[in-house]
């Protein structure tokens, strides 16, 4: 049985049939590896985000990591 999680784009995120749910929801072990995540924004939002990051002297990656860290602090319990 594949796990499914609905999100705002009405598409469903699925985890492969061969994944173990206990590994997915277990606290992560810090490996030092970096994983790539693709995010879809509409063009205007992307341009505004990119410009704001340039004005602040930061990267899109740093801002997204900061936002995800904050979200995880509130939602990982």
C-alpha atoms as a PDB file:
ATOM      1  CA  UNK A   1       0.000   0.000   0.000  1.00  0.00           C
ATOM      2  CA  UNK A   2       1.475   3.364  -1.001  1.00  0.00           C
ATOM      3  CA  UNK A   3       1.109   6.270   1.398  1.00  0.00           C
ATOM      4  CA  UNK A   4      -0.549   9.374   0.018  1.00  0.00           C
ATOM      5  CA  UNK A   5      -0.515  12.928   1.320  1.00  0.00           C
ATOM      6  CA  UNK A   6      -2.638  15.605  -0.288  1.00  0.00           C
ATOM      7  CA  UNK A   7      -1.218  19.106  -0.588  1.00  0.00           C
ATOM      8  CA  UNK A   8      -2.417  22.422  -1.922  1.00  0.00           C
ATOM      9  CA  UNK A   9      -1.842  21.707  -5.614  1.00  0.00           C
ATOM     10  CA  UNK A  10      -4.401  18.864  -5.462  1.00  0.00           C
ATOM     11  CA  UNK A  11      -1.668  16.428  -6.475  1.00  0.00           C
ATOM     12  CA  UNK A  12      -0.817  13.646  -4.081  1.00  0.00           C
ATOM     13  CA  UNK A  13       2.627  12.939  -2.747  1.00  0.00           C
ATOM     14  CA  UNK A  14       3.206   9.205  -2.696  1.00  0.00           C
ATOM     15  CA  UNK A  15       5.841   7.068  -1.096  1.00  0.00           C
ATOM     16  CA  UNK A  16       6.865   3.972  -2.985  1.00  0.00           C
ATOM     17  CA  UNK A  17       5.354   0.607  -2.225  1.00  0.00           C
ATOM     18  CA  UNK A  18       8.709  -0.625  -0.936  1.00  0.00           C
ATOM     19  CA  UNK A  19       9.098   2.107   1.713  1.00  0.00           C
ATOM     20  CA  UNK A  20       8.768   1.317   5.403  1.00  0.00           C
ATOM     21  CA  UNK A  21       6.410   3.762   7.165  1.00  0.00           C
ATOM     22  CA  UNK A  22       8.426   3.473  10.395  1.00  0.00           C
ATOM     23  CA  UNK A  23      11.529   4.767   8.584  1.00  0.00           C
ATOM     24  CA  UNK A  24       9.594   7.646   7.007  1.00  0.00           C
ATOM     25  CA  UNK A  25       8.116   8.965  10.264  1.00  0.00           C
ATOM     26  CA  UNK A  26      11.077   8.112  12.535  1.00  0.00           C
ATOM     27  CA  UNK A  27      13.271  10.981  13.743  1.00  0.00           C
ATOM     28  CA  UNK A  28      15.946  11.579  11.107  1.00  0.00           C
ATOM     29  CA  UNK A  29      19.544  10.599  11.580  1.00  0.00           C
ATOM     30  CA  UNK A  30      21.760  13.462  10.448  1.00  0.00           C
ATOM     31  CA  UNK A  31      23.842  12.108   7.573  1.00  0.00           C
ATOM     32  CA  UNK A  32      25.322  15.337   6.251  1.00  0.00           C
ATOM     33  CA  UNK A  33      23.932  14.536   2.813  1.00  0.00           C
ATOM     34  CA  UNK A  34      22.009  17.181   0.891  1.00  0.00           C
ATOM     35  CA  UNK A  35      18.772  16.327  -0.938  1.00  0.00           C
ATOM     36  CA  UNK A  36      17.350  18.327  -3.839  1.00  0.00           C
ATOM     37  CA  UNK A  37      13.681  19.352  -3.742  1.00  0.00           C
ATOM     38  CA  UNK A  38      11.840  20.907  -6.674  1.00  0.00           C
ATOM     39  CA  UNK A  39       9.161  23.466  -5.850  1.00  0.00           C
ATOM     40  CA  UNK A  40       6.711  24.940  -8.343  1.00  0.00           C
ATOM     41  CA  UNK A  41       5.878  28.646  -8.098  1.00  0.00           C
ATOM     42  CA  UNK A  42       3.962  30.737 -10.584  1.00  0.00           C
ATOM     43  CA  UNK A  43       6.300  32.924 -12.635  1.00  0.00           C
ATOM     44  CA  UNK A  44       5.436  36.214 -10.926  1.00  0.00           C
ATOM     45  CA  UNK A  45       5.985  34.781  -7.432  1.00  0.00           C
ATOM     46  CA  UNK A  46       9.310  33.264  -8.515  1.00  0.00           C
ATOM     47  CA  UNK A  47      10.536  36.586  -9.943  1.00  0.00           C
ATOM     48  CA  UNK A  48       9.457  38.485  -6.814  1.00  0.00           C
ATOM     49  CA  UNK A  49      11.091  35.896  -4.542  1.00  0.00           C
ATOM     50  CA  UNK A  50      14.331  35.905  -6.537  1.00  0.00           C
ATOM     51  CA  UNK A  51      14.467  39.718  -6.578  1.00  0.00           C
ATOM     52  CA  UNK A  52      13.780  39.981  -2.828  1.00  0.00           C
ATOM     53  CA  UNK A  53      16.539  37.460  -2.091  1.00  0.00           C
ATOM     54  CA  UNK A  54      18.959  39.420  -4.301  1.00  0.00           C
ATOM     55  CA  UNK A  55      18.080  42.669  -2.495  1.00  0.00           C
ATOM     56  CA  UNK A  56      18.658  40.997   0.884  1.00  0.00           C
ATOM     57  CA  UNK A  57      21.902  39.328  -0.273  1.00  0.00           C
ATOM     58  CA  UNK A  58      20.658  35.810   0.443  1.00  0.00           C
ATOM     59  CA  UNK A  59      19.806  32.777  -1.647  1.00  0.00           C
ATOM     60  CA  UNK A  60      16.462  31.155  -2.387  1.00  0.00           C
ATOM     61  CA  UNK A  61      17.824  27.981  -0.798  1.00  0.00           C
ATOM     62  CA  UNK A  62      18.722  29.742   2.464  1.00  0.00           C
ATOM     63  CA  UNK A  63      15.276  31.354   2.733  1.00  0.00           C
ATOM     64  CA  UNK A  64      13.429  28.108   1.975  1.00  0.00           C
ATOM     65  CA  UNK A  65      15.597  26.178   4.475  1.00  0.00           C
ATOM     66  CA  UNK A  66      14.841  28.810   7.140  1.00  0.00           C
ATOM     67  CA  UNK A  67      11.102  28.601   6.449  1.00  0.00           C
ATOM     68  CA  UNK A  68      11.098  24.791   6.497  1.00  0.00           C
ATOM     69  CA  UNK A  69      13.062  24.761   9.777  1.00  0.00           C
ATOM     70  CA  UNK A  70      10.413  27.009  11.347  1.00  0.00           C
ATOM     71  CA  UNK A  71       7.590  24.875   9.998  1.00  0.00           C
ATOM     72  CA  UNK A  72       9.211  21.691  11.301  1.00  0.00           C
ATOM     73  CA  UNK A  73       9.641  23.185  14.780  1.00  0.00           C
ATOM     74  CA  UNK A  74       5.886  23.809  14.938  1.00  0.00           C
ATOM     75  CA  UNK A  75       4.705  20.611  13.246  1.00  0.00           C
ATOM     76  CA  UNK A  76       7.053  17.797  14.191  1.00  0.00           C
ATOM     77  CA  UNK A  77       5.442  16.632  17.375  1.00  0.00           C
END
